[in-house]
PDB file of N, CA and C in Angstrom:
ATOM      1  N   GLY A   1      21.219  -7.214  -4.920  1.00  0.00           N
ATOM      2  CA  GLY A   1      22.072  -6.313  -4.297  1.00  0.00           C
ATOM      3  C   GLY A   1      22.141  -5.772  -3.621  1.00  0.00           C
ATOM      4  N   GLN A   2      22.607  -4.715  -2.216  1.00  0.00           N
ATOM      5  CA  GLN A   2      21.481  -4.213  -1.352  1.00  0.00           C
ATOM      6  C   GLN A   2      21.505  -2.966  -1.579  1.00  0.00           C
ATOM      7  N   ASP A   3      20.291  -2.828  -2.796  1.00  0.00           N
ATOM      8  CA  ASP A   3      20.715  -1.391  -3.788  1.00  0.00           C
ATOM      9  C   ASP A   3      19.088  -0.915  -3.209  1.00  0.00           C
ATOM     10  N   ASP A   4      19.233   0.568  -2.565  1.00  0.00           N
ATOM     11  CA  ASP A   4      18.507   0.716  -1.519  1.00  0.00           C
ATOM     12  C   ASP A   4      16.572   0.912  -3.089  1.00  0.00           C
ATOM     13  N   SER A   5      17.461   0.962  -4.247  1.00  0.00           N
ATOM     14  CA  SER A   5      16.021   1.373  -5.092  1.00  0.00           C
ATOM     15  C   SER A   5      15.431   0.417  -5.398  1.00  0.00           C
ATOM     16  N   ASP A   6      15.951  -0.582  -5.076  1.00  0.00           N
ATOM     17  CA  ASP A   6      15.063  -1.831  -5.530  1.00  0.00           C
ATOM     18  C   ASP A   6      14.061  -2.509  -4.525  1.00  0.00           C
ATOM     19  N   PRO A   7      13.145  -2.279  -4.723  1.00  0.00           N
ATOM     20  CA  PRO A   7      11.744  -2.045  -3.736  1.00  0.00           C
ATOM     21  C   PRO A   7      11.615  -3.121  -2.870  1.00  0.00           C
ATOM     22  N   LEU A   8      12.391  -4.848  -3.285  1.00  0.00           N
ATOM     23  CA  LEU A   8      12.307  -5.376  -2.629  1.00  0.00           C
ATOM     24  C   LEU A   8      13.034  -5.694  -1.597  1.00  0.00           C
ATOM     25  N   VAL A   9      14.602  -5.326  -1.241  1.00  0.00           N
ATOM     26  CA  VAL A   9      15.288  -4.538  -0.198  1.00  0.00           C
ATOM     27  C   VAL A   9      14.221  -3.960   0.725  1.00  0.00           C
ATOM     28  N   LEU A  10      13.830  -2.835  -0.215  1.00  0.00           N
ATOM     29  CA  LEU A  10      13.028  -1.530   1.432  1.00  0.00           C
ATOM     30  C   LEU A  10      11.770  -2.344   1.967  1.00  0.00           C
ATOM     31  N   ALA A  11      11.384  -3.823   0.982  1.00  0.00           N
ATOM     32  CA  ALA A  11      10.160  -4.417   1.222  1.00  0.00           C
ATOM     33  C   ALA A  11      10.634  -4.787   2.715  1.00  0.00           C
ATOM     34  N   ASP A  12      11.336  -6.459   2.724  1.00  0.00           N
ATOM     35  CA  ASP A  12      12.480  -6.888   3.443  1.00  0.00           C
ATOM     36  C   ASP A  12      13.126  -5.845   4.720  1.00  0.00           C
ATOM     37  N   ARG A  13      13.884  -4.312   4.496  1.00  0.00           N
ATOM     38  CA  ARG A  13      13.389  -3.663   5.566  1.00  0.00           C
ATOM     39  C   ARG A  13      13.132  -3.605   6.360  1.00  0.00           C
ATOM     40  N   PHE A  14      12.121  -2.701   5.625  1.00  0.00           N
ATOM     41  CA  PHE A  14      10.366  -2.778   6.859  1.00  0.00           C
ATOM     42  C   PHE A  14      10.301  -4.034   7.750  1.00  0.00           C
ATOM     43  N   PHE A  15      10.281  -4.964   6.786  1.00  0.00           N
ATOM     44  CA  PHE A  15       9.713  -5.901   7.079  1.00  0.00           C
ATOM     45  C   PHE A  15      10.700  -6.855   8.590  1.00  0.00           C
ATOM     46  N   GLN A  16      11.955  -5.775   8.112  1.00  0.00           N
ATOM     47  CA  GLN A  16      13.073  -7.018   9.804  1.00  0.00           C
ATOM     48  C   GLN A  16      12.909  -6.052  10.736  1.00  0.00           C
ATOM     49  N   ALA A  17      12.316  -5.144  10.030  1.00  0.00           N
ATOM     50  CA  ALA A  17      12.278  -3.847  11.452  1.00  0.00           C
ATOM     51  C   ALA A  17      11.244  -3.343  12.195  1.00  0.00           C
ATOM     52  N   GLY A  18      10.552  -5.147  12.308  1.00  0.00           N
ATOM     53  CA  GLY A  18       9.294  -5.279  12.510  1.00  0.00           C
ATOM     54  C   GLY A  18       7.641  -4.068  12.509  1.00  0.00           C
ATOM     55  N   ASN A  19       7.784  -3.202  10.822  1.00  0.00           N
ATOM     56  CA  ASN A  19       7.154  -2.895  10.499  1.00  0.00           C
ATOM     57  C   ASN A  19       6.666  -3.753   8.753  1.00  0.00           C
ATOM     58  N   GLU A  20       5.663  -4.532   9.692  1.00  0.00           N
ATOM     59  CA  GLU A  20       5.249  -5.547   8.855  1.00  0.00           C
ATOM     60  C   GLU A  20       3.863  -4.607   7.675  1.00  0.00           C
ATOM     61  N   PRO A  21       3.325  -4.262   8.219  1.00  0.00           N
ATOM     62  CA  PRO A  21       2.919  -3.748   7.525  1.00  0.00           C
ATOM     63  C   PRO A  21       2.933  -2.671   6.387  1.00  0.00           C
ATOM     64  N   GLN A  22       3.692  -1.845   6.917  1.00  0.00           N
ATOM     65  CA  GLN A  22       4.314  -0.907   5.614  1.00  0.00           C
ATOM     66  C   GLN A  22       5.049  -2.159   3.854  1.00  0.00           C
ATOM     67  N   ALA A  23       5.459  -2.955   5.224  1.00  0.00           N
ATOM     68  CA  ALA A  23       6.485  -3.704   4.130  1.00  0.00           C
ATOM     69  C   ALA A  23       4.941  -4.920   2.860  1.00  0.00           C
ATOM     70  N   PHE A  24       3.648  -4.840   3.553  1.00  0.00           N
ATOM     71  CA  PHE A  24       3.525  -5.437   2.938  1.00  0.00           C
ATOM     72  C   PHE A  24       2.680  -5.016   1.837  1.00  0.00           C
ATOM     73  N   ASP A  25       1.863  -3.201   2.606  1.00  0.00           N
ATOM     74  CA  ASP A  25       1.608  -2.284   1.927  1.00  0.00           C
ATOM     75  C   ASP A  25       2.432  -1.264   0.321  1.00  0.00           C
ATOM     76  N   LEU A  26       3.984  -1.725   0.535  1.00  0.00           N
ATOM     77  CA  LEU A  26       5.009  -1.161  -0.334  1.00  0.00           C
ATOM     78  C   LEU A  26       4.296  -3.094  -1.716  1.00  0.00           C
ATOM     79  N   LEU A  27       4.628  -3.928  -1.189  1.00  0.00           N
ATOM     80  CA  LEU A  27       4.482  -5.572  -1.523  1.00  0.00           C
ATOM     81  C   LEU A  27       3.439  -4.737  -3.173  1.00  0.00           C
ATOM     82  N   LEU A  28       1.823  -4.728  -2.215  1.00  0.00           N
ATOM     83  CA  LEU A  28       0.591  -4.557  -2.969  1.00  0.00           C
ATOM     84  C   LEU A  28       1.199  -3.038  -3.908  1.00  0.00           C
ATOM     85  N   SER A  29       1.406  -2.678  -3.463  1.00  0.00           N
ATOM     86  CA  SER A  29       1.567  -0.940  -4.429  1.00  0.00           C
ATOM     87  C   SER A  29       2.051  -1.897  -5.843  1.00  0.00           C
ATOM     88  N   LEU A  30       3.263  -2.763  -5.410  1.00  0.00           N
ATOM     89  CA  LEU A  30       4.245  -3.356  -6.757  1.00  0.00           C
ATOM     90  C   LEU A  30       2.842  -4.078  -7.627  1.00  0.00           C
ATOM     91  N   ILE A  31       2.524  -4.666  -6.854  1.00  0.00           N
ATOM     92  CA  ILE A  31       1.269  -5.477  -7.658  1.00  0.00           C
ATOM     93  C   ILE A  31       1.051  -5.076  -8.068  1.00  0.00           C
ATOM     94  N   ALA A  32       0.043  -4.056  -7.628  1.00  0.00           N
ATOM     95  CA  ALA A  32      -0.966  -3.114  -8.547  1.00  0.00           C
ATOM     96  C   ALA A  32      -0.204  -2.868  -9.790  1.00  0.00           C
ATOM     97  N   LYS A  33       0.241  -2.323  -9.554  1.00  0.00           N
ATOM     98  CA  LYS A  33       1.192  -1.540 -10.537  1.00  0.00           C
ATOM     99  C   LYS A  33       2.301  -2.212 -11.585  1.00  0.00           C
ATOM    100  N   SER A  34       2.054  -3.711 -11.882  1.00  0.00           N
ATOM    101  CA  SER A  34       3.158  -4.415 -12.240  1.00  0.00           C
ATOM    102  C   SER A  34       2.755  -4.806 -13.247  1.00  0.00           C
ATOM    103  N   ALA A  35       3.745  -5.129 -14.691  1.00  0.00           N
ATOM    104  CA  ALA A  35       3.367  -5.971 -15.063  1.00  0.00           C
ATOM    105  C   ALA A  35       3.133  -7.603 -15.310  1.00  0.00           C
ATOM    106  N   ASP A  36       2.231  -8.162 -15.951  1.00  0.00           N
ATOM    107  CA  ASP A  36       2.233 -10.325 -15.073  1.00  0.00           C
ATOM    108  C   ASP A  36       3.664  -9.778 -14.556  1.00  0.00           C
ATOM    109  N   GLU A  37       5.199 -10.018 -15.536  1.00  0.00           N
ATOM    110  CA  GLU A  37       6.131 -11.101 -15.304  1.00  0.00           C
ATOM    111  C   GLU A  37       6.601 -10.968 -13.645  1.00  0.00           C
ATOM    112  N   GLU A  38       6.619  -9.453 -14.150  1.00  0.00           N
ATOM    113  CA  GLU A  38       7.364  -8.551 -12.576  1.00  0.00           C
ATOM    114  C   GLU A  38       6.258  -9.024 -11.257  1.00  0.00           C
ATOM    115  N   ARG A  39       4.924  -8.719 -11.578  1.00  0.00           N
ATOM    116  CA  ARG A  39       3.983  -9.144 -10.205  1.00  0.00           C
ATOM    117  C   ARG A  39       4.152 -10.622  -9.673  1.00  0.00           C
ATOM    118  N   ASP A  40       4.220 -11.035 -10.348  1.00  0.00           N
ATOM    119  CA  ASP A  40       5.036 -12.829  -9.553  1.00  0.00           C
ATOM    120  C   ASP A  40       6.090 -12.678  -9.218  1.00  0.00           C
ATOM    121  N   GLY A  41       6.980 -12.010  -8.616  1.00  0.00           N
ATOM    122  CA  GLY A  41       7.874 -12.119  -7.713  1.00  0.00           C
ATOM    123  C   GLY A  41       7.601 -11.821  -6.913  1.00  0.00           C
ATOM    124  N   TYR A  42       6.762 -10.045  -7.139  1.00  0.00           N
ATOM    125  CA  TYR A  42       6.053  -9.352  -5.801  1.00  0.00           C
ATOM    126  C   TYR A  42       5.728 -10.369  -5.250  1.00  0.00           C
ATOM    127  N   ARG A  43       4.469 -11.330  -5.585  1.00  0.00           N
ATOM    128  CA  ARG A  43       3.779 -12.004  -5.131  1.00  0.00           C
ATOM    129  C   ARG A  43       3.820 -13.290  -4.250  1.00  0.00           C
ATOM    130  N   GLU A  44       5.153 -13.075  -4.986  1.00  0.00           N
ATOM    131  CA  GLU A  44       5.629 -14.424  -4.327  1.00  0.00           C
ATOM    132  C   GLU A  44       6.432 -14.045  -2.925  1.00  0.00           C
ATOM    133  N   ARG A  45       7.051 -13.374  -2.766  1.00  0.00           N
ATOM    134  CA  ARG A  45       7.874 -12.301  -1.947  1.00  0.00           C
ATOM    135  C   ARG A  45       6.916 -12.122  -0.889  1.00  0.00           C
ATOM    136  N   LEU A  46       5.709 -11.272  -1.233  1.00  0.00           N
ATOM    137  CA  LEU A  46       4.220 -11.446   0.112  1.00  0.00           C
ATOM    138  C   LEU A  46       3.674 -12.721   0.646  1.00  0.00           C
ATOM    139  N   LEU A  47       4.080 -13.429   0.069  1.00  0.00           N
ATOM    140  CA  LEU A  47       3.863 -14.637   0.689  1.00  0.00           C
ATOM    141  C   LEU A  47       4.080 -15.525   0.966  1.00  0.00           C
ATOM    142  N   GLU A  48       6.066 -15.357   1.126  1.00  0.00           N
ATOM    143  CA  GLU A  48       6.960 -15.427   1.925  1.00  0.00           C
ATOM    144  C   GLU A  48       7.176 -15.074   3.008  1.00  0.00           C
ATOM    145  N   LEU A  49       6.809 -13.872   3.002  1.00  0.00           N
ATOM    146  CA  LEU A  49       6.342 -12.448   4.055  1.00  0.00           C
ATOM    147  C   LEU A  49       5.569 -13.100   4.925  1.00  0.00           C
ATOM    148  N   PHE A  50       4.519 -13.099   3.737  1.00  0.00           N
ATOM    149  CA  PHE A  50       3.056 -13.668   5.126  1.00  0.00           C
ATOM    150  C   PHE A  50       3.698 -15.111   5.933  1.00  0.00           C
ATOM    151  N   ARG A  51       3.945 -16.008   5.526  1.00  0.00           N
ATOM    152  CA  ARG A  51       4.551 -17.137   6.209  1.00  0.00           C
ATOM    153  C   ARG A  51       5.514 -16.818   7.305  1.00  0.00           C
ATOM    154  N   LEU A  52       6.583 -15.243   7.282  1.00  0.00           N
ATOM    155  CA  LEU A  52       7.470 -15.351   8.123  1.00  0.00           C
ATOM    156  C   LEU A  52       7.212 -14.783   9.480  1.00  0.00           C
ATOM    157  N   SER A  53       5.594 -14.121   9.498  1.00  0.00           N
ATOM    158  CA  SER A  53       4.995 -12.996   9.675  1.00  0.00           C
ATOM    159  C   SER A  53       4.934 -13.023  11.491  1.00  0.00           C
ATOM    160  N   ARG A  54       4.880 -12.385  11.945  1.00  0.00           N
ATOM    161  CA  ARG A  54       4.140 -12.637  13.729  1.00  0.00           C
ATOM    162  C   ARG A  54       3.345 -11.478  13.192  1.00  0.00           C
ATOM    163  N   ASN A  55       2.767 -11.363  12.430  1.00  0.00           N
ATOM    164  CA  ASN A  55       1.298  -9.639  12.689  1.00  0.00           C
ATOM    165  C   ASN A  55       0.560 -10.937  12.158  1.00  0.00           C
ATOM    166  N   PRO A  56      -0.995 -11.485  12.760  1.00  0.00           N
ATOM    167  CA  PRO A  56      -1.616 -12.230  12.118  1.00  0.00           C
ATOM    168  C   PRO A  56      -2.326 -11.413  11.370  1.00  0.00           C
ATOM    169  N   ASP A  57      -3.352 -10.157  11.848  1.00  0.00           N
ATOM    170  CA  ASP A  57      -3.557  -9.088  11.682  1.00  0.00           C
ATOM    171  C   ASP A  57      -3.020  -8.150  10.265  1.00  0.00           C
ATOM    172  N   ALA A  58      -1.699  -8.298  10.748  1.00  0.00           N
ATOM    173  CA  ALA A  58      -1.733  -7.530   8.721  1.00  0.00           C
ATOM    174  C   ALA A  58      -1.336  -8.095   8.073  1.00  0.00           C
ATOM    175  N   VAL A  59      -1.749  -9.461   8.299  1.00  0.00           N
ATOM    176  CA  VAL A  59      -1.680 -11.038   6.890  1.00  0.00           C
ATOM    177  C   VAL A  59      -2.567 -11.109   7.112  1.00  0.00           C
ATOM    178  N   LYS A  60      -3.579 -11.213   7.605  1.00  0.00           N
ATOM    179  CA  LYS A  60      -5.103 -11.282   7.420  1.00  0.00           C
ATOM    180  C   LYS A  60      -5.700 -10.072   6.547  1.00  0.00           C
ATOM    181  N   LEU A  61      -5.566  -8.514   6.678  1.00  0.00           N
ATOM    182  CA  LEU A  61      -5.969  -7.606   6.050  1.00  0.00           C
ATOM    183  C   LEU A  61      -4.741  -7.792   4.438  1.00  0.00           C
ATOM    184  N   ALA A  62      -3.459  -7.321   4.360  1.00  0.00           N
ATOM    185  CA  ALA A  62      -3.034  -7.796   3.476  1.00  0.00           C
ATOM    186  C   ALA A  62      -3.387  -8.755   2.581  1.00  0.00           C
ATOM    187  N   ARG A  63      -3.863  -9.906   2.711  1.00  0.00           N
ATOM    188  CA  ARG A  63      -4.440 -11.389   1.789  1.00  0.00           C
ATOM    189  C   ARG A  63      -5.812 -10.803   1.218  1.00  0.00           C
ATOM    190  N   GLN A  64      -6.722 -10.316   2.327  1.00  0.00           N
ATOM    191  CA  GLN A  64      -8.044  -9.324   1.438  1.00  0.00           C
ATOM    192  C   GLN A  64      -7.503  -8.840  -0.024  1.00  0.00           C
ATOM    193  N   ARG A  65      -6.558  -8.026   1.036  1.00  0.00           N
ATOM    194  CA  ARG A  65      -6.048  -6.800  -0.224  1.00  0.00           C
ATOM    195  C   ARG A  65      -5.717  -7.326  -2.010  1.00  0.00           C
ATOM    196  N   LEU A  66      -4.347  -8.421  -1.392  1.00  0.00           N
ATOM    197  CA  LEU A  66      -4.284  -8.907  -2.944  1.00  0.00           C
ATOM    198  C   LEU A  66      -5.003  -9.764  -3.302  1.00  0.00           C
ATOM    199  N   SER A  67      -6.307 -10.298  -2.748  1.00  0.00           N
ATOM    200  CA  SER A  67      -6.820 -11.196  -3.625  1.00  0.00           C
ATOM    201  C   SER A  67      -8.017  -9.914  -4.280  1.00  0.00           C
ATOM    202  N   ARG A  68      -7.949  -8.784  -4.294  1.00  0.00           N
ATOM    203  CA  ARG A  68      -9.248  -7.603  -4.591  1.00  0.00           C
ATOM    204  C   ARG A  68      -7.835  -7.315  -5.717  1.00  0.00           C
ATOM    205  N   LEU A  69      -7.195  -7.783  -5.357  1.00  0.00           N
ATOM    206  CA  LEU A  69      -6.156  -7.028  -6.981  1.00  0.00           C
ATOM    207  C   LEU A  69      -5.724  -7.966  -7.985  1.00  0.00           C
ATOM    208  N   LEU A  70      -5.409  -9.320  -7.552  1.00  0.00           N
ATOM    209  CA  LEU A  70      -5.595 -10.280  -8.403  1.00  0.00           C
ATOM    210  C   LEU A  70      -6.794 -10.731  -9.314  1.00  0.00           C
ATOM    211  N   PHE A  71      -8.276 -10.216  -8.977  1.00  0.00           N
ATOM    212  CA  PHE A  71      -9.888 -11.603  -9.551  1.00  0.00           C
ATOM    213  C   PHE A  71     -10.353 -10.260  -9.274  1.00  0.00           C
TER     214      PHE A  71
END
């Protein structure tokens, strides 16, 4: 639901407000500290936002950080 304590809702709000780097940072920090089964959901959302993004530089940086986190 639209619950402020839900980090995915918060990430979407940042993204829709045009603050894409903050949305990416939030999801990356969640991925960094989550268990595997949660992590997949956050990663899916992050990749979805990459596709919707109009900020290629932010996407590039976030992708680099994501690959460092996962490998």
